[in-house]
Amino acid sequence: MGHLWYLCFMAFFHYSEFLTIALTNPESLSISSFILNHSTEYKVAAVSSWIEFFFELWLYPGMKTFRYVSLFGLLMCLFGEGLRKLAMLTAKKNFNHIVQDEHKEGHSLVTTGVYSLFRHPSYVGWFYWSIGTQLILLNPFCIVAYTLASWKFFHDRVTIEEVTLLSFFGEAYIDYQKSVPTGLPFINGYILTDE
């Protein structure tokens, strides 16, 4: 049963990415908005999780019967998906799948809604969603691998994005950093020092 929930969450996630961009930022809408072609690493991670699931199901079918763990993963996916889409809807035209290197006219710093809780709510949502998918499948190796890989990806991405945001918004972003955490575990972002 977990694999069916997994398929539903995967399909909904990618479709809703496209749909949400279509609603909030249609100028940036493209086939890439489905983020199916996110990266080679993303594809490798997905295929690895399928291989682990079917291999363990074949050799140790009893491993795939811990419904409470799978249910916890389902709740994590719902939380992550909901938070990510709320972030996209709150940011509207200020949200883009690509870290922007140019401050475009009308691009403003969003600090309201879910952005008052986390500086990077869409990343927080995706982080927990990705781990939740592996809990649903009861994939112990991929739970660990997804956690580590997602953490590394978002650690690097937040650093790059915050350098850009500091150059766009200066002191306003510094003040925002002081009052709102990134939302990702053990990731502080890029903090300017007084050296």
Protein backbone atom coordinates (compact mmCIF):
# COMPACT_ATOMS: atom_id res chain seq x y z
CA MET A 1 0.00 0.00 0.00
CA GLY A 2 2.89 2.37 0.79
CA HIS A 3 4.13 2.25 -2.78
CA LEU A 4 0.74 3.50 -4.02
CA TRP A 5 0.88 6.47 -1.65
CA TYR A 6 4.42 7.11 -2.80
CA LEU A 7 3.32 7.17 -6.46
CA CYS A 8 0.47 9.54 -5.60
CA PHE A 9 2.80 11.92 -3.76
CA MET A 10 5.38 11.86 -6.56
CA ALA A 11 2.80 12.55 -9.24
CA PHE A 12 1.05 15.25 -7.21
CA PHE A 13 4.30 16.96 -6.24
CA HIS A 14 5.52 17.38 -9.80
CA TYR A 15 2.11 18.30 -11.22
CA SER A 16 1.45 20.81 -8.43
CA GLU A 17 4.88 22.45 -8.98
CA PHE A 18 3.84 23.21 -12.57
CA LEU A 19 0.31 24.26 -11.59
CA THR A 20 1.47 26.56 -8.78
CA ILE A 21 3.98 28.32 -11.04
CA ALA A 22 1.25 28.65 -13.67
CA LEU A 23 -0.95 30.39 -11.09
CA THR A 24 1.64 32.57 -9.39
CA ASN A 25 4.41 33.31 -11.88
CA PRO A 26 3.23 32.41 -15.40
CA GLU A 27 6.05 34.42 -17.02
CA SER A 28 8.56 31.84 -15.77
CA LEU A 29 6.37 28.83 -16.69
CA SER A 30 7.99 26.19 -18.87
CA ILE A 31 8.12 22.42 -19.16
CA SER A 32 10.95 22.63 -16.59
CA SER A 33 8.39 23.84 -14.05
CA PHE A 34 7.45 20.19 -13.50
CA ILE A 35 11.03 19.86 -12.14
CA LEU A 36 11.21 16.31 -13.48
CA ASN A 37 14.59 17.16 -14.97
CA HIS A 38 15.82 18.75 -11.74
CA SER A 39 19.24 17.11 -11.81
CA THR A 40 21.02 13.85 -12.47
CA GLU A 41 21.32 13.38 -8.70
CA TYR A 42 17.54 13.68 -8.32
CA LYS A 43 16.98 10.97 -10.95
CA VAL A 44 19.61 8.70 -9.37
CA ALA A 45 17.99 9.17 -5.96
CA ALA A 46 14.55 8.27 -7.31
CA VAL A 47 15.78 5.15 -9.13
CA SER A 48 17.81 4.10 -6.07
CA SER A 49 14.70 4.28 -3.91
CA TRP A 50 12.77 2.09 -6.34
CA ILE A 51 15.57 -0.46 -6.47
CA GLU A 52 15.79 -0.56 -2.67
CA PHE A 53 12.02 -0.88 -2.29
CA PHE A 54 11.63 -3.79 -4.71
CA PHE A 55 14.82 -5.55 -3.58
CA GLU A 56 13.74 -5.48 0.07
CA LEU A 57 10.16 -6.40 -0.82
CA TRP A 58 11.49 -9.45 -2.67
CA LEU A 59 14.03 -10.55 -0.03
CA TYR A 60 12.44 -9.28 3.22
CA PRO A 61 8.75 -8.61 2.65
CA GLY A 62 8.19 -8.29 6.41
CA MET A 63 10.30 -5.11 6.34
CA LYS A 64 7.58 -3.37 4.37
CA THR A 65 4.81 -3.93 6.93
CA PHE A 66 5.54 -1.21 9.52
CA ARG A 67 2.45 0.82 8.75
CA TYR A 68 3.02 3.39 11.51
CA VAL A 69 6.37 4.38 10.03
CA SER A 70 4.77 4.60 6.61
CA LEU A 71 1.93 6.69 8.05
CA PHE A 72 4.46 9.04 9.66
CA GLY A 73 6.09 9.42 6.23
CA LEU A 74 2.70 10.20 4.73
CA LEU A 75 2.21 12.97 7.31
CA MET A 76 5.69 14.32 6.59
CA CYS A 77 4.88 14.42 2.88
CA LEU A 78 1.61 16.25 3.54
CA PHE A 79 3.38 18.77 5.78
CA GLY A 80 6.24 19.26 3.32
CA GLU A 81 4.01 19.56 0.28
CA GLY A 82 1.67 21.97 2.04
CA LEU A 83 4.49 24.17 3.32
CA ARG A 84 6.21 24.29 -0.06
CA LYS A 85 3.05 25.25 -1.91
CA LEU A 86 2.15 27.85 0.75
CA ALA A 87 5.62 29.34 0.26
CA MET A 88 5.15 29.48 -3.50
CA LEU A 89 1.68 31.01 -3.18
CA THR A 90 2.92 33.57 -0.64
CA ALA A 91 5.95 34.61 -2.69
CA LYS A 92 3.98 34.70 -5.96
CA LYS A 93 6.13 36.33 -8.67
CA ASN A 94 9.07 36.43 -6.27
CA PHE A 95 9.35 32.62 -6.39
CA ASN A 96 11.40 30.92 -9.05
CA HIS A 97 12.88 27.43 -9.33
CA ILE A 98 16.21 28.97 -10.39
CA VAL A 99 18.23 31.11 -7.97
CA GLN A 100 18.19 34.53 -9.61
CA ASP A 101 21.45 36.38 -10.15
CA GLU A 102 19.84 39.62 -11.26
CA HIS A 103 17.51 41.80 -9.19
CA LYS A 104 14.55 42.23 -11.52
CA GLU A 105 12.11 45.10 -11.28
CA GLY A 106 9.30 44.27 -8.86
CA HIS A 107 11.28 41.53 -7.07
CA SER A 108 10.71 42.18 -3.38
CA LEU A 109 11.74 40.57 -0.11
CA VAL A 110 8.87 38.42 1.18
CA THR A 111 8.75 38.21 5.00
CA THR A 112 5.06 37.54 5.64
CA GLY A 113 3.01 34.35 5.95
CA VAL A 114 5.18 31.23 6.11
CA TYR A 115 8.22 33.44 5.45
CA SER A 116 7.72 34.90 8.93
CA LEU A 117 8.40 31.39 10.30
CA PHE A 118 11.22 30.28 8.00
CA ARG A 119 13.51 32.17 5.61
CA HIS A 120 13.31 29.25 3.17
CA PRO A 121 9.93 27.56 3.66
CA SER A 122 9.87 26.01 0.18
CA TYR A 123 13.20 24.30 0.93
CA VAL A 124 11.99 23.19 4.36
CA GLY A 125 8.92 21.70 2.70
CA TRP A 126 10.91 19.87 0.04
CA PHE A 127 13.43 18.62 2.62
CA TYR A 128 10.75 16.94 4.76
CA TRP A 129 8.73 15.82 1.74
CA SER A 130 11.74 13.98 0.28
CA ILE A 131 12.49 12.17 3.54
CA GLY A 132 8.80 11.39 3.97
CA THR A 133 8.70 9.62 0.60
CA GLN A 134 11.31 7.15 1.86
CA LEU A 135 9.50 6.64 5.16
CA ILE A 136 6.38 5.77 3.16
CA LEU A 137 8.37 3.16 1.23
CA LEU A 138 10.07 1.93 4.43
CA ASN A 139 13.47 2.25 2.75
CA PRO A 140 16.01 2.39 5.61
CA PHE A 141 19.06 3.01 3.41
CA CYS A 142 17.37 5.70 1.35
CA ILE A 143 15.94 7.38 4.46
CA VAL A 144 19.51 8.00 5.60
CA ALA A 145 20.81 8.78 2.10
CA TYR A 146 17.94 11.19 1.30
CA THR A 147 18.40 12.97 4.62
CA LEU A 148 22.12 13.46 4.07
CA ALA A 149 21.84 14.33 0.36
CA SER A 150 18.94 16.74 0.92
CA TRP A 151 20.76 18.41 3.79
CA LYS A 152 23.91 18.87 1.68
CA PHE A 153 21.92 20.16 -1.30
CA PHE A 154 20.00 22.72 0.76
CA HIS A 155 23.06 23.75 2.78
CA ASP A 156 24.82 24.68 -0.47
CA ARG A 157 21.72 26.14 -2.12
CA VAL A 158 20.82 28.33 0.88
CA THR A 159 24.36 29.71 0.99
CA ILE A 160 24.27 30.64 -2.70
CA GLU A 161 20.77 32.09 -2.46
CA GLU A 162 21.51 34.13 0.66
CA VAL A 163 24.61 35.72 -0.91
CA THR A 164 22.31 36.81 -3.73
CA LEU A 165 19.57 38.02 -1.38
CA LEU A 166 22.08 40.02 0.64
CA SER A 167 23.27 41.73 -2.54
CA PHE A 168 19.64 42.43 -3.57
CA PHE A 169 18.22 43.61 -0.25
CA GLY A 170 21.22 44.51 1.93
CA GLU A 171 20.38 45.62 5.46
CA ALA A 172 16.74 44.53 5.15
CA TYR A 173 17.87 40.96 4.56
CA ILE A 174 20.39 41.12 7.41
CA ASP A 175 17.59 42.19 9.77
CA TYR A 176 15.39 39.38 8.42
CA GLN A 177 18.17 36.84 9.02
CA LYS A 178 18.49 38.00 12.62
CA SER A 179 14.81 37.43 13.38
CA VAL A 180 13.85 34.38 11.26
CA PRO A 181 15.71 31.03 11.04
CA THR A 182 16.25 29.16 7.77
CA GLY A 183 13.97 26.39 9.04
CA LEU A 184 16.41 23.68 7.97
CA PRO A 185 18.18 21.67 10.69
CA PHE A 186 21.76 22.84 11.37
CA ILE A 187 21.73 25.25 8.41
CA ASN A 188 22.22 28.90 9.37
CA GLY A 189 22.67 30.27 5.87
CA TYR A 190 25.20 32.85 4.81
CA ILE A 191 25.71 35.28 7.67
CA LEU A 192 27.82 38.39 7.16
CA THR A 193 30.40 38.88 9.88
CA ASP A 194 31.84 42.17 11.18
CA GLU A 195 35.42 41.18 10.35
